[in-house]
Amino acid sequence: MKKGNVLDAVERLNSTLSKVAEFDVSDVNLSDRVLDNRIITLEGYLRFLESEGIPKIELINKLLKKQNGEGELDDRPDLL
């Protein structure tokens, strides 16, 4: 997985959540199907970030700590 994919997913999730916060449901009559699709999309982004994004971010954090002499890097060649 490329770094850009994780950053893109984070940006899309952030944008989606911002739109949800600004959304006024009193003006719009959405069908249950539309709402279900939006929920499924949000769940998909969250699953992707959980499975792909968080491990990469943790690795970056460990590498930065190692570079700054603050911690040890685990032997996780699968994450490199």
PDB file of N, CA and C in Angstrom:
ATOM      1  N   MET A   1       0.827  -1.170   0.000  1.00  0.00           N
ATOM      2  CA  MET A   1       0.000   0.000   0.000  1.00  0.00           C
ATOM      3  C   MET A   1       0.877   1.242   0.000  1.00  0.00           C
ATOM      4  N   LYS A   2       0.488   2.203  -0.764  1.00  0.00           N
ATOM      5  CA  LYS A   2       1.269   3.431  -0.865  1.00  0.00           C
ATOM      6  C   LYS A   2       0.818   4.442   0.174  1.00  0.00           C
ATOM      7  N   LYS A   3       1.767   5.291   0.572  1.00  0.00           N
ATOM      8  CA  LYS A   3       1.478   6.333   1.557  1.00  0.00           C
ATOM      9  C   LYS A   3       0.332   7.221   1.090  1.00  0.00           C
ATOM     10  N   GLY A   4       0.291   7.511  -0.189  1.00  0.00           N
ATOM     11  CA  GLY A   4      -0.762   8.362  -0.731  1.00  0.00           C
ATOM     12  C   GLY A   4      -2.147   7.789  -0.525  1.00  0.00           C
ATOM     13  N   ASN A   5      -2.274   6.467  -0.585  1.00  0.00           N
ATOM     14  CA  ASN A   5      -3.578   5.841  -0.380  1.00  0.00           C
ATOM     15  C   ASN A   5      -4.097   6.091   1.022  1.00  0.00           C
ATOM     16  N   VAL A   6      -3.230   5.958   2.010  1.00  0.00           N
ATOM     17  CA  VAL A   6      -3.633   6.184   3.398  1.00  0.00           C
ATOM     18  C   VAL A   6      -4.005   7.648   3.594  1.00  0.00           C
ATOM     19  N   LEU A   7      -3.168   8.543   3.094  1.00  0.00           N
ATOM     20  CA  LEU A   7      -3.446   9.971   3.249  1.00  0.00           C
ATOM     21  C   LEU A   7      -4.730  10.361   2.525  1.00  0.00           C
ATOM     22  N   ASP A   8      -4.958   9.776   1.352  1.00  0.00           N
ATOM     23  CA  ASP A   8      -6.185  10.054   0.609  1.00  0.00           C
ATOM     24  C   ASP A   8      -7.404   9.567   1.381  1.00  0.00           C
ATOM     25  N   ALA A   9      -7.306   8.379   1.965  1.00  0.00           N
ATOM     26  CA  ALA A   9      -8.431   7.840   2.741  1.00  0.00           C
ATOM     27  C   ALA A   9      -8.708   8.699   3.968  1.00  0.00           C
ATOM     28  N   VAL A  10      -7.657   9.152   4.638  1.00  0.00           N
ATOM     29  CA  VAL A  10      -7.834  10.020   5.807  1.00  0.00           C
ATOM     30  C   VAL A  10      -8.504  11.326   5.383  1.00  0.00           C
ATOM     31  N   GLU A  11      -8.043  11.898   4.274  1.00  0.00           N
ATOM     32  CA  GLU A  11      -8.618  13.158   3.792  1.00  0.00           C
ATOM     33  C   GLU A  11     -10.081  12.984   3.395  1.00  0.00           C
ATOM     34  N   ARG A  12     -10.404  11.895   2.725  1.00  0.00           N
ATOM     35  CA  ARG A  12     -11.797  11.657   2.324  1.00  0.00           C
ATOM     36  C   ARG A  12     -12.692  11.442   3.535  1.00  0.00           C
ATOM     37  N   LEU A  13     -12.183  10.686   4.511  1.00  0.00           N
ATOM     38  CA  LEU A  13     -12.967  10.467   5.726  1.00  0.00           C
ATOM     39  C   LEU A  13     -13.186  11.786   6.452  1.00  0.00           C
ATOM     40  N   ASN A  14     -12.141  12.582   6.567  1.00  0.00           N
ATOM     41  CA  ASN A  14     -12.244  13.886   7.223  1.00  0.00           C
ATOM     42  C   ASN A  14     -13.257  14.773   6.502  1.00  0.00           C
ATOM     43  N   SER A  15     -13.198  14.796   5.181  1.00  0.00           N
ATOM     44  CA  SER A  15     -14.133  15.591   4.390  1.00  0.00           C
ATOM     45  C   SER A  15     -15.562  15.095   4.573  1.00  0.00           C
ATOM     46  N   THR A  16     -15.732  13.784   4.563  1.00  0.00           N
ATOM     47  CA  THR A  16     -17.066  13.204   4.730  1.00  0.00           C
ATOM     48  C   THR A  16     -17.639  13.534   6.095  1.00  0.00           C
ATOM     49  N   LEU A  17     -16.815  13.401   7.128  1.00  0.00           N
ATOM     50  CA  LEU A  17     -17.293  13.696   8.480  1.00  0.00           C
ATOM     51  C   LEU A  17     -17.622  15.178   8.637  1.00  0.00           C
ATOM     52  N   SER A  18     -16.862  16.043   7.981  1.00  0.00           N
ATOM     53  CA  SER A  18     -17.170  17.477   8.025  1.00  0.00           C
ATOM     54  C   SER A  18     -18.516  17.760   7.373  1.00  0.00           C
ATOM     55  N   LYS A  19     -18.774  17.102   6.242  1.00  0.00           N
ATOM     56  CA  LYS A  19     -20.055  17.282   5.561  1.00  0.00           C
ATOM     57  C   LYS A  19     -21.207  16.759   6.406  1.00  0.00           C
ATOM     58  N   VAL A  20     -20.978  15.648   7.100  1.00  0.00           N
ATOM     59  CA  VAL A  20     -22.017  15.088   7.969  1.00  0.00           C
ATOM     60  C   VAL A  20     -22.338  16.069   9.090  1.00  0.00           C
ATOM     61  N   ALA A  21     -21.304  16.684   9.660  1.00  0.00           N
ATOM     62  CA  ALA A  21     -21.513  17.629  10.759  1.00  0.00           C
ATOM     63  C   ALA A  21     -22.301  18.857  10.301  1.00  0.00           C
ATOM     64  N   GLU A  22     -22.123  19.258   9.043  1.00  0.00           N
ATOM     65  CA  GLU A  22     -22.802  20.441   8.511  1.00  0.00           C
ATOM     66  C   GLU A  22     -24.172  20.124   7.918  1.00  0.00           C
ATOM     67  N   PHE A  23     -24.483  18.859   7.799  1.00  0.00           N
ATOM     68  CA  PHE A  23     -25.699  18.428   7.110  1.00  0.00           C
ATOM     69  C   PHE A  23     -26.935  18.688   7.968  1.00  0.00           C
ATOM     70  N   ASP A  24     -27.929  19.344   7.388  1.00  0.00           N
ATOM     71  CA  ASP A  24     -29.183  19.632   8.084  1.00  0.00           C
ATOM     72  C   ASP A  24     -30.250  18.662   7.583  1.00  0.00           C
ATOM     73  N   VAL A  25     -30.543  17.653   8.383  1.00  0.00           N
ATOM     74  CA  VAL A  25     -31.482  16.614   7.954  1.00  0.00           C
ATOM     75  C   VAL A  25     -32.922  17.092   7.937  1.00  0.00           C
ATOM     76  N   SER A  26     -33.214  18.210   8.558  1.00  0.00           N
ATOM     77  CA  SER A  26     -34.596  18.685   8.580  1.00  0.00           C
ATOM     78  C   SER A  26     -35.058  19.179   7.205  1.00  0.00           C
ATOM     79  N   ASP A  27     -34.111  19.575   6.357  1.00  0.00           N
ATOM     80  CA  ASP A  27     -34.455  20.081   5.025  1.00  0.00           C
ATOM     81  C   ASP A  27     -34.570  18.987   3.968  1.00  0.00           C
ATOM     82  N   VAL A  28     -34.002  17.828   4.222  1.00  0.00           N
ATOM     83  CA  VAL A  28     -33.892  16.805   3.190  1.00  0.00           C
ATOM     84  C   VAL A  28     -34.588  15.530   3.638  1.00  0.00           C
ATOM     85  N   ASN A  29     -35.262  14.925   2.698  1.00  0.00           N
ATOM     86  CA  ASN A  29     -35.898  13.643   2.962  1.00  0.00           C
ATOM     87  C   ASN A  29     -35.118  12.571   2.212  1.00  0.00           C
ATOM     88  N   LEU A  30     -34.187  11.920   2.887  1.00  0.00           N
ATOM     89  CA  LEU A  30     -33.366  10.887   2.269  1.00  0.00           C
ATOM     90  C   LEU A  30     -33.993   9.523   2.492  1.00  0.00           C
ATOM     91  N   SER A  31     -33.865   8.696   1.493  1.00  0.00           N
ATOM     92  CA  SER A  31     -34.393   7.344   1.631  1.00  0.00           C
ATOM     93  C   SER A  31     -33.483   6.529   2.544  1.00  0.00           C
ATOM     94  N   ASP A  32     -34.034   5.466   3.083  1.00  0.00           N
ATOM     95  CA  ASP A  32     -33.240   4.576   3.930  1.00  0.00           C
ATOM     96  C   ASP A  32     -32.071   3.985   3.149  1.00  0.00           C
ATOM     97  N   ARG A  33     -32.295   3.730   1.870  1.00  0.00           N
ATOM     98  CA  ARG A  33     -31.236   3.146   1.045  1.00  0.00           C
ATOM     99  C   ARG A  33     -30.053   4.104   0.912  1.00  0.00           C
ATOM    100  N   VAL A  34     -30.319   5.382   0.683  1.00  0.00           N
ATOM    101  CA  VAL A  34     -29.249   6.380   0.571  1.00  0.00           C
ATOM    102  C   VAL A  34     -28.482   6.467   1.883  1.00  0.00           C
ATOM    103  N   LEU A  35     -29.200   6.514   2.990  1.00  0.00           N
ATOM    104  CA  LEU A  35     -28.538   6.574   4.297  1.00  0.00           C
ATOM    105  C   LEU A  35     -27.715   5.322   4.549  1.00  0.00           C
ATOM    106  N   ASP A  36     -28.254   4.156   4.200  1.00  0.00           N
ATOM    107  CA  ASP A  36     -27.511   2.907   4.360  1.00  0.00           C
ATOM    108  C   ASP A  36     -26.227   2.926   3.540  1.00  0.00           C
ATOM    109  N   ASN A  37     -26.300   3.418   2.308  1.00  0.00           N
ATOM    110  CA  ASN A  37     -25.105   3.487   1.459  1.00  0.00           C
ATOM    111  C   ASN A  37     -24.055   4.421   2.045  1.00  0.00           C
ATOM    112  N   ARG A  38     -24.480   5.522   2.609  1.00  0.00           N
ATOM    113  CA  ARG A  38     -23.520   6.453   3.222  1.00  0.00           C
ATOM    114  C   ARG A  38     -22.873   5.839   4.460  1.00  0.00           C
ATOM    115  N   ILE A  39     -23.654   5.128   5.233  1.00  0.00           N
ATOM    116  CA  ILE A  39     -23.108   4.448   6.415  1.00  0.00           C
ATOM    117  C   ILE A  39     -22.115   3.382   5.989  1.00  0.00           C
ATOM    118  N   ILE A  40     -22.456   2.614   4.965  1.00  0.00           N
ATOM    119  CA  ILE A  40     -21.558   1.570   4.470  1.00  0.00           C
ATOM    120  C   ILE A  40     -20.253   2.186   3.973  1.00  0.00           C
ATOM    121  N   THR A  41     -20.329   3.325   3.292  1.00  0.00           N
ATOM    122  CA  THR A  41     -19.124   4.005   2.811  1.00  0.00           C
ATOM    123  C   THR A  41     -18.243   4.436   3.977  1.00  0.00           C
ATOM    124  N   LEU A  42     -18.830   5.042   4.992  1.00  0.00           N
ATOM    125  CA  LEU A  42     -18.055   5.451   6.172  1.00  0.00           C
ATOM    126  C   LEU A  42     -17.432   4.249   6.866  1.00  0.00           C
ATOM    127  N   GLU A  43     -18.185   3.167   6.991  1.00  0.00           N
ATOM    128  CA  GLU A  43     -17.649   1.958   7.611  1.00  0.00           C
ATOM    129  C   GLU A  43     -16.478   1.415   6.805  1.00  0.00           C
ATOM    130  N   GLY A  44     -16.577   1.482   5.481  1.00  0.00           N
ATOM    131  CA  GLY A  44     -15.488   1.015   4.624  1.00  0.00           C
ATOM    132  C   GLY A  44     -14.217   1.821   4.831  1.00  0.00           C
ATOM    133  N   TYR A  45     -14.344   3.146   4.887  1.00  0.00           N
ATOM    134  CA  TYR A  45     -13.172   3.986   5.153  1.00  0.00           C
ATOM    135  C   TYR A  45     -12.568   3.663   6.514  1.00  0.00           C
ATOM    136  N   LEU A  46     -13.399   3.492   7.511  1.00  0.00           N
ATOM    137  CA  LEU A  46     -12.886   3.186   8.849  1.00  0.00           C
ATOM    138  C   LEU A  46     -12.166   1.845   8.876  1.00  0.00           C
ATOM    139  N   ARG A  47     -12.731   0.828   8.217  1.00  0.00           N
ATOM    140  CA  ARG A  47     -12.069  -0.485   8.160  1.00  0.00           C
ATOM    141  C   ARG A  47     -10.736  -0.384   7.436  1.00  0.00           C
ATOM    142  N   PHE A  48     -10.712   0.353   6.331  1.00  0.00           N
ATOM    143  CA  PHE A  48      -9.475   0.528   5.577  1.00  0.00           C
ATOM    144  C   PHE A  48      -8.410   1.204   6.432  1.00  0.00           C
ATOM    145  N   LEU A  49      -8.788   2.274   7.100  1.00  0.00           N
ATOM    146  CA  LEU A  49      -7.823   2.981   7.945  1.00  0.00           C
ATOM    147  C   LEU A  49      -7.347   2.112   9.092  1.00  0.00           C
ATOM    148  N   GLU A  50      -8.258   1.325   9.657  1.00  0.00           N
ATOM    149  CA  GLU A  50      -7.881   0.450  10.759  1.00  0.00           C
ATOM    150  C   GLU A  50      -6.908  -0.632  10.294  1.00  0.00           C
ATOM    151  N   SER A  51      -7.170  -1.226   9.143  1.00  0.00           N
ATOM    152  CA  SER A  51      -6.333  -2.338   8.693  1.00  0.00           C
ATOM    153  C   SER A  51      -5.056  -1.884   7.997  1.00  0.00           C
ATOM    154  N   GLU A  52      -5.101  -0.765   7.295  1.00  0.00           N
ATOM    155  CA  GLU A  52      -3.952  -0.319   6.508  1.00  0.00           C
ATOM    156  C   GLU A  52      -3.296   0.947   7.057  1.00  0.00           C
ATOM    157  N   GLY A  53      -4.100   1.910   7.430  1.00  0.00           N
ATOM    158  CA  GLY A  53      -3.564   3.210   7.817  1.00  0.00           C
ATOM    159  C   GLY A  53      -2.895   3.236   9.173  1.00  0.00           C
ATOM    160  N   ILE A  54      -3.563   2.693  10.163  1.00  0.00           N
ATOM    161  CA  ILE A  54      -3.029   2.747  11.528  1.00  0.00           C
ATOM    162  C   ILE A  54      -1.693   2.021  11.643  1.00  0.00           C
ATOM    163  N   PRO A  55      -1.541   0.795  11.085  1.00  0.00           N
ATOM    164  CA  PRO A  55      -0.222   0.155  11.167  1.00  0.00           C
ATOM    165  C   PRO A  55       0.885   0.973  10.500  1.00  0.00           C
ATOM    166  N   LYS A  56       0.574   1.615   9.373  1.00  0.00           N
ATOM    167  CA  LYS A  56       1.587   2.441   8.702  1.00  0.00           C
ATOM    168  C   LYS A  56       1.939   3.668   9.540  1.00  0.00           C
ATOM    169  N   ILE A  57       0.941   4.291  10.130  1.00  0.00           N
ATOM    170  CA  ILE A  57       1.190   5.462  10.971  1.00  0.00           C
ATOM    171  C   ILE A  57       1.990   5.061  12.211  1.00  0.00           C
ATOM    172  N   GLU A  58       1.686   3.899  12.785  1.00  0.00           N
ATOM    173  CA  GLU A  58       2.454   3.419  13.937  1.00  0.00           C
ATOM    174  C   GLU A  58       3.902   3.174  13.548  1.00  0.00           C
ATOM    175  N   LEU A  59       4.124   2.606  12.366  1.00  0.00           N
ATOM    176  CA  LEU A  59       5.489   2.373  11.903  1.00  0.00           C
ATOM    177  C   LEU A  59       6.229   3.694  11.715  1.00  0.00           C
ATOM    178  N   ILE A  60       5.571   4.665  11.112  1.00  0.00           N
ATOM    179  CA  ILE A  60       6.192   5.981  10.923  1.00  0.00           C
ATOM    180  C   ILE A  60       6.559   6.585  12.273  1.00  0.00           C
ATOM    181  N   ASN A  61       5.661   6.468  13.250  1.00  0.00           N
ATOM    182  CA  ASN A  61       5.923   6.986  14.590  1.00  0.00           C
ATOM    183  C   ASN A  61       7.132   6.290  15.213  1.00  0.00           C
ATOM    184  N   LYS A  62       7.211   4.958  15.072  1.00  0.00           N
ATOM    185  CA  LYS A  62       8.350   4.212  15.616  1.00  0.00           C
ATOM    186  C   LYS A  62       9.648   4.620  14.930  1.00  0.00           C
ATOM    187  N   LEU A  63       9.593   4.783  13.610  1.00  0.00           N
ATOM    188  CA  LEU A  63      10.795   5.194  12.881  1.00  0.00           C
ATOM    189  C   LEU A  63      11.264   6.578  13.319  1.00  0.00           C
ATOM    190  N   LEU A  64      10.330   7.486  13.522  1.00  0.00           N
ATOM    191  CA  LEU A  64      10.694   8.828  13.989  1.00  0.00           C
ATOM    192  C   LEU A  64      11.298   8.782  15.386  1.00  0.00           C
ATOM    193  N   LYS A  65      10.710   7.971  16.266  1.00  0.00           N
ATOM    194  CA  LYS A  65      11.262   7.846  17.620  1.00  0.00           C
ATOM    195  C   LYS A  65      12.657   7.239  17.577  1.00  0.00           C
ATOM    196  N   LYS A  66      12.839   6.219  16.730  1.00  0.00           N
ATOM    197  CA  LYS A  66      14.143   5.585  16.592  1.00  0.00           C
ATOM    198  C   LYS A  66      15.158   6.597  16.065  1.00  0.00           C
ATOM    199  N   GLN A  67      14.751   7.381  15.078  1.00  0.00           N
ATOM    200  CA  GLN A  67      15.630   8.389  14.492  1.00  0.00           C
ATOM    201  C   GLN A  67      16.032   9.436  15.532  1.00  0.00           C
ATOM    202  N   ASN A  68      15.128   9.758  16.436  1.00  0.00           N
ATOM    203  CA  ASN A  68      15.405  10.746  17.474  1.00  0.00           C
ATOM    204  C   ASN A  68      16.003  10.127  18.732  1.00  0.00           C
ATOM    205  N   GLY A  69      16.270   8.812  18.696  1.00  0.00           N
ATOM    206  CA  GLY A  69      16.874   8.134  19.829  1.00  0.00           C
ATOM    207  C   GLY A  69      15.937   7.928  20.997  1.00  0.00           C
ATOM    208  N   GLU A  70      14.641   7.927  20.740  1.00  0.00           N
ATOM    209  CA  GLU A  70      13.656   7.802  21.819  1.00  0.00           C
ATOM    210  C   GLU A  70      13.113   6.389  21.985  1.00  0.00           C
ATOM    211  N   GLY A  71      13.398   5.508  21.070  1.00  0.00           N
ATOM    212  CA  GLY A  71      12.822   4.173  21.184  1.00  0.00           C
ATOM    213  C   GLY A  71      13.506   3.191  20.264  1.00  0.00           C
ATOM    214  N   GLU A  72      13.120   1.939  20.415  1.00  0.00           N
ATOM    215  CA  GLU A  72      13.665   0.862  19.607  1.00  0.00           C
ATOM    216  C   GLU A  72      12.668   0.479  18.528  1.00  0.00           C
ATOM    217  N   LEU A  73      13.178   0.088  17.385  1.00  0.00           N
ATOM    218  CA  LEU A  73      12.341  -0.344  16.275  1.00  0.00           C
ATOM    219  C   LEU A  73      12.169  -1.854  16.356  1.00  0.00           C
ATOM    220  N   ASP A  74      10.926  -2.312  16.373  1.00  0.00           N
ATOM    221  CA  ASP A  74      10.652  -3.745  16.369  1.00  0.00           C
ATOM    222  C   ASP A  74      11.080  -4.331  15.030  1.00  0.00           C
ATOM    223  N   ASP A  75      11.383  -5.619  15.039  1.00  0.00           N
ATOM    224  CA  ASP A  75      11.690  -6.304  13.783  1.00  0.00           C
ATOM    225  C   ASP A  75      10.389  -6.641  13.084  1.00  0.00           C
ATOM    226  N   ARG A  76       9.912  -5.734  12.271  1.00  0.00           N
ATOM    227  CA  ARG A  76       8.658  -5.924  11.533  1.00  0.00           C
ATOM    228  C   ARG A  76       8.904  -5.641  10.058  1.00  0.00           C
ATOM    229  N   PRO A  77       9.637  -6.535   9.365  1.00  0.00           N
ATOM    230  CA  PRO A  77       9.912  -6.260   7.954  1.00  0.00           C
ATOM    231  C   PRO A  77       8.648  -6.210   7.098  1.00  0.00           C
ATOM    232  N   ASP A  78       7.564  -6.819   7.586  1.00  0.00           N
ATOM    233  CA  ASP A  78       6.314  -6.798   6.824  1.00  0.00           C
ATOM    234  C   ASP A  78       5.729  -5.401   6.734  1.00  0.00           C
ATOM    235  N   LEU A  79       6.113  -4.507   7.635  1.00  0.00           N
ATOM    236  CA  LEU A  79       5.586  -3.151   7.625  1.00  0.00           C
ATOM    237  C   LEU A  79       6.476  -2.180   6.861  1.00  0.00           C
ATOM    238  N   LEU A  80       7.672  -2.602   6.519  1.00  0.00           N
ATOM    239  CA  LEU A  80       8.600  -1.698   5.826  1.00  0.00           C
ATOM    240  C   LEU A  80       8.338  -1.656   4.346  1.00  0.00           C
TER     241      LEU A  80
END
